[in-house]
């Protein structure tokens, strides 16, 4: 069976490149461990949003105190 897991992660922008690299590595490790898919088949897509483009309970994250 050929598998190509695709993991989408939505984040509010602001994390360092090192944090994002570590996240991709850790997610890839977890997916390979739990699905048996080889790492080279695991795709991790990071989508960063600006705080003024994301809200919770009617409040933009950029407006939170």
PDB file of N, CA and C in Angstrom:
ATOM      1  N   UNK A   1       0.846  -1.179   0.000  1.00  0.00           N
ATOM      2  CA  UNK A   1       0.000   0.000   0.000  1.00  0.00           C
ATOM      3  C   UNK A   1       0.889   1.239   0.000  1.00  0.00           C
ATOM      4  N   UNK A   2       0.615   2.152  -0.886  1.00  0.00           N
ATOM      5  CA  UNK A   2       1.368   3.403  -0.961  1.00  0.00           C
ATOM      6  C   UNK A   2       0.641   4.468  -0.153  1.00  0.00           C
ATOM      7  N   UNK A   3       1.357   5.065   0.779  1.00  0.00           N
ATOM      8  CA  UNK A   3       0.736   6.106   1.595  1.00  0.00           C
ATOM      9  C   UNK A   3       1.513   7.398   1.463  1.00  0.00           C
ATOM     10  N   UNK A   4       0.811   8.486   1.516  1.00  0.00           N
ATOM     11  CA  UNK A   4       1.444   9.796   1.496  1.00  0.00           C
ATOM     12  C   UNK A   4       0.680  10.675   2.475  1.00  0.00           C
ATOM     13  N   UNK A   5       0.958  10.538   3.774  1.00  0.00           N
ATOM     14  CA  UNK A   5       0.263  11.373   4.738  1.00  0.00           C
ATOM     15  C   UNK A   5       0.572  12.850   4.502  1.00  0.00           C
ATOM     16  N   UNK A   6      -0.479  13.658   4.567  1.00  0.00           N
ATOM     17  CA  UNK A   6      -0.333  15.110   4.473  1.00  0.00           C
ATOM     18  C   UNK A   6      -0.890  15.699   5.753  1.00  0.00           C
ATOM     19  N   UNK A   7      -0.066  16.466   6.449  1.00  0.00           N
ATOM     20  CA  UNK A   7      -0.462  17.088   7.708  1.00  0.00           C
ATOM     21  C   UNK A   7      -0.491  18.599   7.496  1.00  0.00           C
ATOM     22  N   UNK A   8      -1.644  19.206   7.762  1.00  0.00           N
ATOM     23  CA  UNK A   8      -1.789  20.659   7.664  1.00  0.00           C
ATOM     24  C   UNK A   8      -1.836  21.238   9.068  1.00  0.00           C
ATOM     25  N   UNK A   9      -1.009  22.247   9.311  1.00  0.00           N
ATOM     26  CA  UNK A   9      -0.976  22.901  10.616  1.00  0.00           C
ATOM     27  C   UNK A   9      -1.142  24.399  10.400  1.00  0.00           C
ATOM     28  N   UNK A  10      -2.179  24.953  11.017  1.00  0.00           N
ATOM     29  CA  UNK A  10      -2.412  26.394  10.969  1.00  0.00           C
ATOM     30  C   UNK A  10      -1.879  27.005  12.255  1.00  0.00           C
ATOM     31  N   UNK A  11      -1.073  28.063  12.115  1.00  0.00           N
ATOM     32  CA  UNK A  11      -0.442  28.716  13.258  1.00  0.00           C
ATOM     33  C   UNK A  11      -0.580  30.225  13.136  1.00  0.00           C
ATOM     34  N   UNK A  12      -0.611  30.881  14.274  1.00  0.00           N
ATOM     35  CA  UNK A  12      -0.477  32.334  14.251  1.00  0.00           C
ATOM     36  C   UNK A  12       1.012  32.621  14.104  1.00  0.00           C
ATOM     37  N   UNK A  13       1.361  33.507  13.192  1.00  0.00           N
ATOM     38  CA  UNK A  13       2.765  33.835  12.913  1.00  0.00           C
ATOM     39  C   UNK A  13       3.472  34.335  14.162  1.00  0.00           C
ATOM     40  N   UNK A  14       4.780  34.072  14.196  1.00  0.00           N
ATOM     41  CA  UNK A  14       5.574  34.596  15.301  1.00  0.00           C
ATOM     42  C   UNK A  14       6.580  33.609  15.873  1.00  0.00           C
ATOM     43  N   UNK A  15       6.549  32.388  15.419  1.00  0.00           N
ATOM     44  CA  UNK A  15       7.520  31.413  15.919  1.00  0.00           C
ATOM     45  C   UNK A  15       8.808  31.507  15.121  1.00  0.00           C
ATOM     46  N   UNK A  16       9.899  31.129  15.762  1.00  0.00           N
ATOM     47  CA  UNK A  16      11.205  31.197  15.102  1.00  0.00           C
ATOM     48  C   UNK A  16      11.339  30.078  14.074  1.00  0.00           C
ATOM     49  N   UNK A  17      12.298  30.247  13.182  1.00  0.00           N
ATOM     50  CA  UNK A  17      12.580  29.211  12.184  1.00  0.00           C
ATOM     51  C   UNK A  17      12.975  27.911  12.871  1.00  0.00           C
ATOM     52  N   UNK A  18      13.718  28.005  13.966  1.00  0.00           N
ATOM     53  CA  UNK A  18      14.126  26.806  14.712  1.00  0.00           C
ATOM     54  C   UNK A  18      12.903  26.082  15.272  1.00  0.00           C
ATOM     55  N   UNK A  19      11.942  26.826  15.802  1.00  0.00           N
ATOM     56  CA  UNK A  19      10.727  26.207  16.333  1.00  0.00           C
ATOM     57  C   UNK A  19       9.942  25.508  15.228  1.00  0.00           C
ATOM     58  N   UNK A  20       9.832  26.152  14.072  1.00  0.00           N
ATOM     59  CA  UNK A  20       9.096  25.554  12.959  1.00  0.00           C
ATOM     60  C   UNK A  20       9.792  24.301  12.443  1.00  0.00           C
ATOM     61  N   UNK A  21      11.122  24.330  12.350  1.00  0.00           N
ATOM     62  CA  UNK A  21      11.877  23.143  11.926  1.00  0.00           C
ATOM     63  C   UNK A  21      11.656  21.991  12.901  1.00  0.00           C
ATOM     64  N   UNK A  22      11.720  22.279  14.192  1.00  0.00           N
ATOM     65  CA  UNK A  22      11.522  21.237  15.206  1.00  0.00           C
ATOM     66  C   UNK A  22      10.106  20.675  15.137  1.00  0.00           C
ATOM     67  N   UNK A  23       9.128  21.531  14.900  1.00  0.00           N
ATOM     68  CA  UNK A  23       7.743  21.078  14.776  1.00  0.00           C
ATOM     69  C   UNK A  23       7.596  20.113  13.606  1.00  0.00           C
ATOM     70  N   UNK A  24       8.148  20.477  12.457  1.00  0.00           N
ATOM     71  CA  UNK A  24       8.072  19.610  11.273  1.00  0.00           C
ATOM     72  C   UNK A  24       8.757  18.277  11.546  1.00  0.00           C
ATOM     73  N   UNK A  25       9.911  18.302  12.190  1.00  0.00           N
ATOM     74  CA  UNK A  25      10.619  17.058  12.505  1.00  0.00           C
ATOM     75  C   UNK A  25       9.806  16.187  13.458  1.00  0.00           C
ATOM     76  N   UNK A  26       9.265  16.789  14.513  1.00  0.00           N
ATOM     77  CA  UNK A  26       8.501  16.022  15.498  1.00  0.00           C
ATOM     78  C   UNK A  26       7.218  15.442  14.904  1.00  0.00           C
ATOM     79  N   UNK A  27       6.524  16.220  14.088  1.00  0.00           N
ATOM     80  CA  UNK A  27       5.298  15.727  13.449  1.00  0.00           C
ATOM     81  C   UNK A  27       5.634  14.583  12.498  1.00  0.00           C
ATOM     82  N   UNK A  28       6.686  14.732  11.730  1.00  0.00           N
ATOM     83  CA  UNK A  28       7.098  13.669  10.805  1.00  0.00           C
ATOM     84  C   UNK A  28       7.414  12.395  11.571  1.00  0.00           C
ATOM     85  N   UNK A  29       8.136  12.515  12.669  1.00  0.00           N
ATOM     86  CA  UNK A  29       8.464  11.346  13.489  1.00  0.00           C
ATOM     87  C   UNK A  29       7.198  10.676  14.009  1.00  0.00           C
ATOM     88  N   UNK A  30       6.250  11.463  14.502  1.00  0.00           N
ATOM     89  CA  UNK A  30       5.007  10.898  15.034  1.00  0.00           C
ATOM     90  C   UNK A  30       4.200  10.193  13.943  1.00  0.00           C
ATOM     91  N   UNK A  31       4.141  10.794  12.768  1.00  0.00           N
ATOM     92  CA  UNK A  31       3.368  10.189  11.676  1.00  0.00           C
ATOM     93  C   UNK A  31       4.020   8.887  11.217  1.00  0.00           C
ATOM     94  N   UNK A  32       5.336   8.887  11.079  1.00  0.00           N
ATOM     95  CA  UNK A  32       6.004   7.644  10.652  1.00  0.00           C
ATOM     96  C   UNK A  32       5.824   6.547  11.699  1.00  0.00           C
ATOM     97  N   UNK A  33       5.927   6.912  12.956  1.00  0.00           N
ATOM     98  CA  UNK A  33       5.773   5.937  14.047  1.00  0.00           C
ATOM     99  C   UNK A  33       4.376   5.320  14.050  1.00  0.00           C
ATOM    100  N   UNK A  34       3.364   6.156  13.846  1.00  0.00           N
ATOM    101  CA  UNK A  34       1.987   5.694  14.003  1.00  0.00           C
ATOM    102  C   UNK A  34       1.313   5.213  12.727  1.00  0.00           C
ATOM    103  N   UNK A  35       1.906   5.489  11.570  1.00  0.00           N
ATOM    104  CA  UNK A  35       1.292   5.028  10.323  1.00  0.00           C
ATOM    105  C   UNK A  35       2.158   4.036   9.564  1.00  0.00           C
ATOM    106  N   UNK A  36       3.446   4.021   9.873  1.00  0.00           N
ATOM    107  CA  UNK A  36       4.355   3.165   9.131  1.00  0.00           C
ATOM    108  C   UNK A  36       4.816   3.767   7.814  1.00  0.00           C
ATOM    109  N   UNK A  37       4.343   4.965   7.507  1.00  0.00           N
ATOM    110  CA  UNK A  37       4.762   5.626   6.264  1.00  0.00           C
ATOM    111  C   UNK A  37       6.213   6.061   6.398  1.00  0.00           C
ATOM    112  N   UNK A  38       7.000   5.914   5.346  1.00  0.00           N
ATOM    113  CA  UNK A  38       8.382   6.392   5.410  1.00  0.00           C
ATOM    114  C   UNK A  38       8.416   7.923   5.482  1.00  0.00           C
ATOM    115  N   UNK A  39       9.409   8.452   6.175  1.00  0.00           N
ATOM    116  CA  UNK A  39       9.511   9.897   6.376  1.00  0.00           C
ATOM    117  C   UNK A  39       9.485  10.669   5.068  1.00  0.00           C
ATOM    118  N   UNK A  40      10.088  10.106   4.032  1.00  0.00           N
ATOM    119  CA  UNK A  40      10.138  10.830   2.756  1.00  0.00           C
ATOM    120  C   UNK A  40       8.760  10.950   2.096  1.00  0.00           C
ATOM    121  N   UNK A  41       7.758  10.258   2.628  1.00  0.00           N
ATOM    122  CA  UNK A  41       6.397  10.368   2.102  1.00  0.00           C
ATOM    123  C   UNK A  41       5.514  11.268   2.952  1.00  0.00           C
ATOM    124  N   UNK A  42       6.027  11.741   4.070  1.00  0.00           N
ATOM    125  CA  UNK A  42       5.232  12.579   4.975  1.00  0.00           C
ATOM    126  C   UNK A  42       5.394  14.041   4.576  1.00  0.00           C
ATOM    127  N   UNK A  43       4.278  14.672   4.276  1.00  0.00           N
ATOM    128  CA  UNK A  43       4.267  16.082   3.892  1.00  0.00           C
ATOM    129  C   UNK A  43       3.654  16.885   5.034  1.00  0.00           C
ATOM    130  N   UNK A  44       4.347  17.910   5.491  1.00  0.00           N
ATOM    131  CA  UNK A  44       3.849  18.778   6.551  1.00  0.00           C
ATOM    132  C   UNK A  44       3.730  20.181   5.970  1.00  0.00           C
ATOM    133  N   UNK A  45       2.528  20.726   6.012  1.00  0.00           N
ATOM    134  CA  UNK A  45       2.264  22.055   5.475  1.00  0.00           C
ATOM    135  C   UNK A  45       1.963  22.993   6.635  1.00  0.00           C
ATOM    136  N   UNK A  46       2.785  24.016   6.771  1.00  0.00           N
ATOM    137  CA  UNK A  46       2.578  25.026   7.816  1.00  0.00           C
ATOM    138  C   UNK A  46       1.959  26.262   7.174  1.00  0.00           C
ATOM    139  N   UNK A  47       0.850  26.699   7.727  1.00  0.00           N
ATOM    140  CA  UNK A  47       0.207  27.924   7.246  1.00  0.00           C
ATOM    141  C   UNK A  47       0.175  28.906   8.397  1.00  0.00           C
ATOM    142  N   UNK A  48       0.872  30.011   8.207  1.00  0.00           N
ATOM    143  CA  UNK A  48       0.939  31.021   9.258  1.00  0.00           C
ATOM    144  C   UNK A  48      -0.037  32.153   8.943  1.00  0.00           C
ATOM    145  N   UNK A  49      -0.776  32.530   9.971  1.00  0.00           N
ATOM    146  CA  UNK A  49      -1.744  33.612   9.857  1.00  0.00           C
ATOM    147  C   UNK A  49      -1.267  34.795  10.679  1.00  0.00           C
ATOM    148  N   UNK A  50      -1.538  35.959  10.200  1.00  0.00           N
ATOM    149  CA  UNK A  50      -1.256  37.164  10.974  1.00  0.00           C
ATOM    150  C   UNK A  50      -2.310  37.276  12.080  1.00  0.00           C
ATOM    151  N   UNK A  51      -1.953  37.797  13.252  1.00  0.00           N
ATOM    152  CA  UNK A  51      -2.901  37.895  14.361  1.00  0.00           C
ATOM    153  C   UNK A  51      -4.156  38.705  14.025  1.00  0.00           C
ATOM    154  N   UNK A  52      -4.067  39.593  13.053  1.00  0.00           N
ATOM    155  CA  UNK A  52      -5.254  40.377  12.692  1.00  0.00           C
ATOM    156  C   UNK A  52      -6.118  39.671  11.647  1.00  0.00           C
ATOM    157  N   UNK A  53      -5.800  38.421  11.373  1.00  0.00           N
ATOM    158  CA  UNK A  53      -6.577  37.612  10.432  1.00  0.00           C
ATOM    159  C   UNK A  53      -7.160  36.369  11.103  1.00  0.00           C
ATOM    160  N   UNK A  54      -7.177  36.359  12.444  1.00  0.00           N
ATOM    161  CA  UNK A  54      -7.671  35.204  13.192  1.00  0.00           C
ATOM    162  C   UNK A  54      -8.346  35.697  14.456  1.00  0.00           C
ATOM    163  N   UNK A  55      -9.536  35.180  14.727  1.00  0.00           N
ATOM    164  CA  UNK A  55     -10.255  35.612  15.914  1.00  0.00           C
ATOM    165  C   UNK A  55     -10.849  34.450  16.678  1.00  0.00           C
ATOM    166  N   UNK A  56     -11.057  34.666  17.967  1.00  0.00           N
ATOM    167  CA  UNK A  56     -11.698  33.697  18.837  1.00  0.00           C
ATOM    168  C   UNK A  56     -12.734  34.453  19.654  1.00  0.00           C
ATOM    169  N   UNK A  57     -13.941  33.909  19.703  1.00  0.00           N
ATOM    170  CA  UNK A  57     -15.034  34.499  20.472  1.00  0.00           C
ATOM    171  C   UNK A  57     -15.285  35.960  20.077  1.00  0.00           C
ATOM    172  N   UNK A  58     -15.160  36.246  18.779  1.00  0.00           N
ATOM    173  CA  UNK A  58     -15.450  37.581  18.285  1.00  0.00           C
ATOM    174  C   UNK A  58     -14.337  38.599  18.455  1.00  0.00           C
ATOM    175  N   UNK A  59     -13.168  38.154  18.910  1.00  0.00           N
ATOM    176  CA  UNK A  59     -12.060  39.081  19.143  1.00  0.00           C
ATOM    177  C   UNK A  59     -10.862  38.644  18.319  1.00  0.00           C
ATOM    178  N   UNK A  60     -10.299  39.565  17.533  1.00  0.00           N
ATOM    179  CA  UNK A  60      -9.083  39.262  16.802  1.00  0.00           C
ATOM    180  C   UNK A  60      -7.931  39.042  17.773  1.00  0.00           C
ATOM    181  N   UNK A  61      -7.060  38.118  17.435  1.00  0.00           N
ATOM    182  CA  UNK A  61      -5.899  37.857  18.301  1.00  0.00           C
ATOM    183  C   UNK A  61      -5.040  39.117  18.450  1.00  0.00           C
ATOM    184  N   UNK A  62      -5.003  39.962  17.426  1.00  0.00           N
ATOM    185  CA  UNK A  62      -4.216  41.188  17.500  1.00  0.00           C
ATOM    186  C   UNK A  62      -4.800  42.187  18.494  1.00  0.00           C
ATOM    187  N   UNK A  63      -6.074  42.035  18.850  1.00  0.00           N
ATOM    188  CA  UNK A  63      -6.719  42.950  19.797  1.00  0.00           C
ATOM    189  C   UNK A  63      -6.706  42.448  21.226  1.00  0.00           C
ATOM    190  N   UNK A  64      -6.217  41.232  21.445  1.00  0.00           N
ATOM    191  CA  UNK A  64      -6.165  40.683  22.807  1.00  0.00           C
ATOM    192  C   UNK A  64      -5.134  41.437  23.621  1.00  0.00           C
ATOM    193  N   UNK A  65      -5.438  41.597  24.858  1.00  0.00           N
ATOM    194  CA  UNK A  65      -4.513  42.288  25.775  1.00  0.00           C
ATOM    195  C   UNK A  65      -3.625  41.277  26.446  1.00  0.00           C
TER     196      UNK A  65
END
